[in-house]
Amino acid sequence: MASTRLGGLVLRELTHSRSPSDGVTSDTEICMLFEMKTTLDINDQLLADAKVLAAQQRTSLTRLIEEGLQLRLRAQATVAPRGKLRLPVFKGRGGLVAGVDPLSNKALLEALGDDA
């Protein structure tokens, strides 16, 4: 099986043999596989623990990370969507106390008194 790499694209040539009674002695099939490489910043201790777990389970670190992502994505898909969130809105009744300058932090704090 021969492979050729073109950036992230891998072309793999597979040869299949058939019996001579078919009149065909071999086929060549070209498979295009897209490979994506990603760099992640992972906490050192988390990475060390993951490597140990992967070794214990006799699997690759890549496979362990893929399984973890699949579990997390499936769990997210099963979470029921929340209803519309209503934010409280001030209707503007009342207003400022007479004599308080709304542009002065000092005046606003003094108006609040002990409530601040």
N, C-alpha and C. Protein backbone atom coordinates (compact mmCIF):
# COMPACT_ATOMS: atom_id res chain seq x y z
N MET A 1 0.85 -1.16 0.00
CA MET A 1 0.00 0.00 0.00
C MET A 1 0.90 1.23 0.00
N ALA A 2 0.77 2.07 -1.02
CA ALA A 2 1.58 3.27 -1.14
C ALA A 2 0.76 4.48 -0.71
N SER A 3 1.39 5.43 -0.01
CA SER A 3 0.71 6.64 0.42
C SER A 3 1.48 7.85 -0.06
N THR A 4 0.75 8.88 -0.44
CA THR A 4 1.35 10.15 -0.82
C THR A 4 0.68 11.23 0.01
N ARG A 5 1.46 12.11 0.59
CA ARG A 5 0.92 13.18 1.43
C ARG A 5 0.99 14.50 0.67
N LEU A 6 -0.16 15.19 0.62
CA LEU A 6 -0.25 16.52 0.03
C LEU A 6 -0.83 17.44 1.09
N GLY A 7 0.03 18.07 1.89
CA GLY A 7 -0.47 18.90 2.99
C GLY A 7 -1.21 18.02 3.97
N GLY A 8 -2.49 18.35 4.26
CA GLY A 8 -3.30 17.57 5.18
C GLY A 8 -4.04 16.44 4.49
N LEU A 9 -3.84 16.29 3.18
CA LEU A 9 -4.53 15.27 2.40
C LEU A 9 -3.61 14.09 2.18
N VAL A 10 -4.08 12.91 2.46
CA VAL A 10 -3.30 11.70 2.23
C VAL A 10 -3.97 10.89 1.14
N LEU A 11 -3.22 10.62 0.09
CA LEU A 11 -3.72 9.75 -0.98
C LEU A 11 -3.12 8.37 -0.73
N ARG A 12 -3.96 7.38 -0.62
CA ARG A 12 -3.49 6.04 -0.33
C ARG A 12 -3.92 5.13 -1.47
N GLU A 13 -2.98 4.41 -2.02
CA GLU A 13 -3.26 3.50 -3.13
C GLU A 13 -3.37 2.09 -2.59
N LEU A 14 -4.50 1.45 -2.82
CA LEU A 14 -4.73 0.09 -2.37
C LEU A 14 -4.83 -0.81 -3.59
N THR A 15 -4.17 -1.92 -3.58
CA THR A 15 -4.23 -2.85 -4.69
C THR A 15 -4.94 -4.10 -4.24
N HIS A 16 -5.96 -4.50 -5.02
CA HIS A 16 -6.73 -5.70 -4.73
C HIS A 16 -6.47 -6.72 -5.82
N SER A 17 -6.21 -7.97 -5.46
CA SER A 17 -6.02 -9.03 -6.44
C SER A 17 -7.30 -9.83 -6.57
N ARG A 18 -7.61 -10.19 -7.80
CA ARG A 18 -8.78 -11.03 -8.06
C ARG A 18 -8.30 -12.29 -8.79
N SER A 19 -9.19 -13.24 -8.84
CA SER A 19 -8.80 -14.49 -9.51
C SER A 19 -8.74 -14.27 -11.02
N PRO A 20 -7.87 -14.98 -11.70
CA PRO A 20 -7.75 -14.84 -13.16
C PRO A 20 -9.04 -15.21 -13.90
N SER A 21 -9.94 -15.96 -13.30
CA SER A 21 -11.18 -16.34 -13.98
C SER A 21 -12.05 -15.11 -14.26
N ASP A 22 -11.89 -14.03 -13.47
CA ASP A 22 -12.63 -12.79 -13.71
C ASP A 22 -12.09 -12.04 -14.92
N GLY A 23 -10.88 -12.39 -15.33
CA GLY A 23 -10.25 -11.65 -16.41
C GLY A 23 -9.50 -10.43 -15.91
N VAL A 24 -9.55 -10.16 -14.59
CA VAL A 24 -8.85 -9.01 -14.02
C VAL A 24 -7.91 -9.55 -12.95
N THR A 25 -6.66 -9.17 -13.05
CA THR A 25 -5.70 -9.68 -12.07
C THR A 25 -5.51 -8.73 -10.89
N SER A 26 -5.76 -7.43 -11.06
CA SER A 26 -5.65 -6.52 -9.91
C SER A 26 -6.43 -5.23 -10.18
N ASP A 27 -6.87 -4.62 -9.12
CA ASP A 27 -7.54 -3.32 -9.17
C ASP A 27 -6.68 -2.35 -8.36
N THR A 28 -6.78 -1.09 -8.67
CA THR A 28 -6.14 -0.07 -7.86
C THR A 28 -7.21 0.91 -7.42
N GLU A 29 -7.29 1.13 -6.13
CA GLU A 29 -8.28 2.03 -5.57
C GLU A 29 -7.53 3.17 -4.90
N ILE A 30 -7.95 4.39 -5.16
CA ILE A 30 -7.33 5.55 -4.53
C ILE A 30 -8.27 6.06 -3.44
N CYS A 31 -7.76 6.12 -2.23
CA CYS A 31 -8.53 6.64 -1.10
C CYS A 31 -7.96 8.00 -0.72
N MET A 32 -8.84 8.98 -0.52
CA MET A 32 -8.39 10.29 -0.06
C MET A 32 -8.81 10.42 1.40
N LEU A 33 -7.85 10.60 2.26
CA LEU A 33 -8.11 10.74 3.69
C LEU A 33 -7.66 12.12 4.13
N PHE A 34 -8.51 12.82 4.82
CA PHE A 34 -8.15 14.14 5.32
C PHE A 34 -7.69 13.99 6.76
N GLU A 35 -6.49 14.42 7.03
CA GLU A 35 -5.95 14.37 8.38
C GLU A 35 -5.80 15.80 8.88
N MET A 36 -6.23 16.04 10.12
CA MET A 36 -6.10 17.37 10.69
C MET A 36 -5.22 17.27 11.93
N LYS A 37 -4.22 18.09 11.98
CA LYS A 37 -3.35 18.14 13.15
C LYS A 37 -3.68 19.43 13.90
N THR A 38 -3.78 19.32 15.21
CA THR A 38 -4.12 20.46 16.05
C THR A 38 -3.18 20.51 17.23
N THR A 39 -2.76 21.70 17.59
CA THR A 39 -1.92 21.88 18.76
C THR A 39 -2.79 22.36 19.91
N LEU A 40 -2.68 21.70 21.06
CA LEU A 40 -3.46 22.06 22.23
C LEU A 40 -2.52 22.40 23.38
N ASP A 41 -2.91 23.36 24.21
CA ASP A 41 -2.20 23.64 25.44
C ASP A 41 -2.95 22.92 26.55
N ILE A 42 -2.31 21.89 27.11
CA ILE A 42 -2.95 21.08 28.14
C ILE A 42 -2.12 21.18 29.42
N ASN A 43 -2.79 21.29 30.53
CA ASN A 43 -2.13 21.32 31.83
C ASN A 43 -1.18 20.13 31.93
N ASP A 44 0.05 20.37 32.41
CA ASP A 44 1.07 19.32 32.47
C ASP A 44 0.64 18.10 33.28
N GLN A 45 0.02 18.32 34.43
CA GLN A 45 -0.41 17.20 35.26
C GLN A 45 -1.53 16.41 34.59
N LEU A 46 -2.46 17.13 33.96
CA LEU A 46 -3.56 16.47 33.24
C LEU A 46 -3.02 15.61 32.11
N LEU A 47 -2.04 16.13 31.38
CA LEU A 47 -1.43 15.38 30.29
C LEU A 47 -0.72 14.14 30.81
N ALA A 48 0.02 14.28 31.91
CA ALA A 48 0.72 13.13 32.49
C ALA A 48 -0.27 12.06 32.94
N ASP A 49 -1.36 12.49 33.59
CA ASP A 49 -2.39 11.54 34.02
C ASP A 49 -3.04 10.84 32.83
N ALA A 50 -3.28 11.60 31.77
CA ALA A 50 -3.89 11.03 30.56
C ALA A 50 -2.97 10.01 29.92
N LYS A 51 -1.68 10.28 29.89
CA LYS A 51 -0.72 9.34 29.31
C LYS A 51 -0.69 8.04 30.11
N VAL A 52 -0.74 8.16 31.43
CA VAL A 52 -0.76 6.97 32.29
C VAL A 52 -2.02 6.15 32.01
N LEU A 53 -3.16 6.83 31.96
CA LEU A 53 -4.42 6.13 31.71
C LEU A 53 -4.41 5.46 30.34
N ALA A 54 -3.90 6.16 29.33
CA ALA A 54 -3.83 5.58 27.98
C ALA A 54 -2.95 4.33 27.99
N ALA A 55 -1.84 4.37 28.70
CA ALA A 55 -0.95 3.21 28.77
C ALA A 55 -1.64 2.06 29.50
N GLN A 56 -2.36 2.37 30.58
CA GLN A 56 -3.06 1.32 31.33
C GLN A 56 -4.14 0.66 30.47
N GLN A 57 -4.80 1.45 29.63
CA GLN A 57 -5.87 0.92 28.79
C GLN A 57 -5.36 0.42 27.44
N ARG A 58 -4.04 0.47 27.28
CA ARG A 58 -3.40 0.04 26.03
C ARG A 58 -4.04 0.71 24.80
N THR A 59 -4.14 2.03 24.89
CA THR A 59 -4.68 2.81 23.78
C THR A 59 -3.78 4.02 23.58
N SER A 60 -4.02 4.75 22.53
CA SER A 60 -3.19 5.93 22.27
C SER A 60 -3.77 7.14 23.00
N LEU A 61 -2.92 8.12 23.24
CA LEU A 61 -3.37 9.36 23.86
C LEU A 61 -4.41 10.04 22.96
N THR A 62 -4.20 9.99 21.66
CA THR A 62 -5.16 10.58 20.71
C THR A 62 -6.53 9.94 20.88
N ARG A 63 -6.58 8.62 20.95
CA ARG A 63 -7.86 7.91 21.08
C ARG A 63 -8.54 8.26 22.41
N LEU A 64 -7.74 8.36 23.48
CA LEU A 64 -8.29 8.72 24.78
C LEU A 64 -8.92 10.12 24.74
N ILE A 65 -8.24 11.07 24.11
CA ILE A 65 -8.76 12.43 24.00
C ILE A 65 -10.01 12.45 23.12
N GLU A 66 -10.00 11.69 22.02
CA GLU A 66 -11.19 11.63 21.15
C GLU A 66 -12.39 11.08 21.91
N GLU A 67 -12.18 10.03 22.70
CA GLU A 67 -13.28 9.45 23.48
C GLU A 67 -13.83 10.45 24.49
N GLY A 68 -12.94 11.18 25.14
CA GLY A 68 -13.36 12.19 26.10
C GLY A 68 -14.18 13.29 25.44
N LEU A 69 -13.74 13.74 24.27
CA LEU A 69 -14.49 14.77 23.54
C LEU A 69 -15.86 14.26 23.11
N GLN A 70 -15.90 13.01 22.65
CA GLN A 70 -17.19 12.43 22.23
C GLN A 70 -18.15 12.36 23.41
N LEU A 71 -17.66 11.93 24.57
CA LEU A 71 -18.52 11.86 25.76
C LEU A 71 -19.05 13.24 26.13
N ARG A 72 -18.18 14.23 26.10
CA ARG A 72 -18.58 15.60 26.47
C ARG A 72 -19.59 16.17 25.47
N LEU A 73 -19.37 15.92 24.18
CA LEU A 73 -20.29 16.43 23.17
C LEU A 73 -21.65 15.74 23.25
N ARG A 74 -21.65 14.44 23.51
CA ARG A 74 -22.92 13.71 23.67
C ARG A 74 -23.69 14.22 24.89
N ALA A 75 -22.98 14.46 25.98
CA ALA A 75 -23.62 14.97 27.19
C ALA A 75 -24.22 16.35 26.94
N GLN A 76 -23.53 17.17 26.19
CA GLN A 76 -24.02 18.51 25.88
C GLN A 76 -25.27 18.44 25.02
N ALA A 77 -25.32 17.47 24.11
CA ALA A 77 -26.46 17.33 23.21
C ALA A 77 -27.71 16.88 23.97
N THR A 78 -27.53 16.17 25.09
CA THR A 78 -28.69 15.67 25.83
C THR A 78 -29.22 16.68 26.85
N VAL A 79 -28.50 17.78 27.08
CA VAL A 79 -28.96 18.79 28.02
C VAL A 79 -30.15 19.53 27.40
N ALA A 80 -31.23 19.60 28.16
CA ALA A 80 -32.43 20.27 27.65
C ALA A 80 -32.17 21.76 27.49
N PRO A 81 -32.59 22.34 26.38
CA PRO A 81 -32.38 23.78 26.21
C PRO A 81 -33.23 24.56 27.22
N ARG A 82 -32.67 25.64 27.71
CA ARG A 82 -33.39 26.46 28.67
C ARG A 82 -34.44 27.30 27.97
N GLY A 83 -35.45 27.67 28.73
CA GLY A 83 -36.46 28.58 28.22
C GLY A 83 -35.86 29.98 28.07
N LYS A 84 -36.62 30.86 27.52
CA LYS A 84 -36.15 32.22 27.32
C LYS A 84 -35.87 32.86 28.68
N LEU A 85 -34.72 33.50 28.80
CA LEU A 85 -34.33 34.17 30.02
C LEU A 85 -34.89 35.59 30.02
N ARG A 86 -35.62 35.93 31.07
CA ARG A 86 -36.19 37.28 31.17
C ARG A 86 -35.32 38.10 32.11
N LEU A 87 -34.84 39.21 31.61
CA LEU A 87 -34.04 40.12 32.41
C LEU A 87 -34.94 41.18 33.02
N PRO A 88 -34.68 41.56 34.29
CA PRO A 88 -35.49 42.61 34.89
C PRO A 88 -35.20 43.95 34.20
N VAL A 89 -36.25 44.73 34.01
CA VAL A 89 -36.12 46.02 33.34
C VAL A 89 -36.65 47.11 34.26
N PHE A 90 -35.85 48.17 34.46
CA PHE A 90 -36.29 49.31 35.27
C PHE A 90 -37.20 50.17 34.41
N LYS A 91 -38.40 50.44 34.90
CA LYS A 91 -39.40 51.19 34.14
C LYS A 91 -39.23 52.71 34.26
N GLY A 92 -38.32 53.17 35.07
CA GLY A 92 -38.03 54.60 35.15
C GLY A 92 -38.95 55.39 36.06
N ARG A 93 -39.65 54.73 36.94
CA ARG A 93 -40.52 55.45 37.87
C ARG A 93 -39.69 55.99 39.03
N GLY A 94 -40.05 57.12 39.53
CA GLY A 94 -39.35 57.69 40.68
C GLY A 94 -38.38 58.77 40.24
N GLY A 95 -37.17 58.43 39.96
CA GLY A 95 -36.18 59.41 39.52
C GLY A 95 -35.21 59.77 40.62
N LEU A 96 -34.37 60.75 40.34
CA LEU A 96 -33.36 61.19 41.30
C LEU A 96 -33.96 62.11 42.35
N VAL A 97 -33.31 62.09 43.48
CA VAL A 97 -33.70 62.99 44.57
C VAL A 97 -33.31 64.41 44.15
N ALA A 98 -34.16 65.35 44.41
CA ALA A 98 -33.87 66.75 44.06
C ALA A 98 -32.58 67.20 44.73
N GLY A 99 -31.75 67.91 44.00
CA GLY A 99 -30.51 68.45 44.53
C GLY A 99 -29.32 67.52 44.40
N VAL A 100 -29.48 66.30 43.88
CA VAL A 100 -28.37 65.36 43.72
C VAL A 100 -27.87 65.44 42.28
N ASP A 101 -26.56 65.70 42.13
CA ASP A 101 -25.95 65.80 40.80
C ASP A 101 -25.66 64.38 40.30
N PRO A 102 -26.36 63.92 39.23
CA PRO A 102 -26.14 62.55 38.75
C PRO A 102 -24.78 62.35 38.08
N LEU A 103 -24.07 63.41 37.81
CA LEU A 103 -22.75 63.30 37.18
C LEU A 103 -21.62 63.27 38.20
N SER A 104 -21.96 63.39 39.48
CA SER A 104 -20.94 63.42 40.53
C SER A 104 -21.03 62.14 41.36
N ASN A 105 -19.96 61.36 41.33
CA ASN A 105 -19.91 60.15 42.16
C ASN A 105 -20.03 60.49 43.64
N LYS A 106 -19.35 61.58 44.03
CA LYS A 106 -19.37 61.99 45.43
C LYS A 106 -20.80 62.32 45.87
N ALA A 107 -21.52 63.07 45.04
CA ALA A 107 -22.89 63.45 45.38
C ALA A 107 -23.80 62.23 45.45
N LEU A 108 -23.61 61.28 44.53
CA LEU A 108 -24.43 60.06 44.54
C LEU A 108 -24.16 59.22 45.79
N LEU A 109 -22.88 59.09 46.17
CA LEU A 109 -22.53 58.34 47.36
C LEU A 109 -23.09 59.00 48.62
N GLU A 110 -22.99 60.32 48.67
CA GLU A 110 -23.53 61.04 49.83
C GLU A 110 -25.04 60.85 49.92
N ALA A 111 -25.73 60.84 48.77
CA ALA A 111 -27.19 60.66 48.75
C ALA A 111 -27.56 59.26 49.24
N LEU A 112 -26.71 58.27 48.96
CA LEU A 112 -26.98 56.92 49.42
C LEU A 112 -26.81 56.78 50.92
N GLY A 113 -25.88 57.58 51.46
CA GLY A 113 -25.64 57.54 52.90
C GLY A 113 -25.18 56.18 53.35
N ASP A 114 -25.85 55.59 54.30
CA ASP A 114 -25.48 54.28 54.88
C ASP A 114 -25.88 53.10 54.00
N ASP A 115 -26.68 53.35 52.98
CA ASP A 115 -27.13 52.27 52.10
C ASP A 115 -26.03 51.78 51.15
N ALA A 116 -24.92 52.52 51.03
CA ALA A 116 -23.87 52.19 50.07
C ALA A 116 -23.02 51.04 50.53
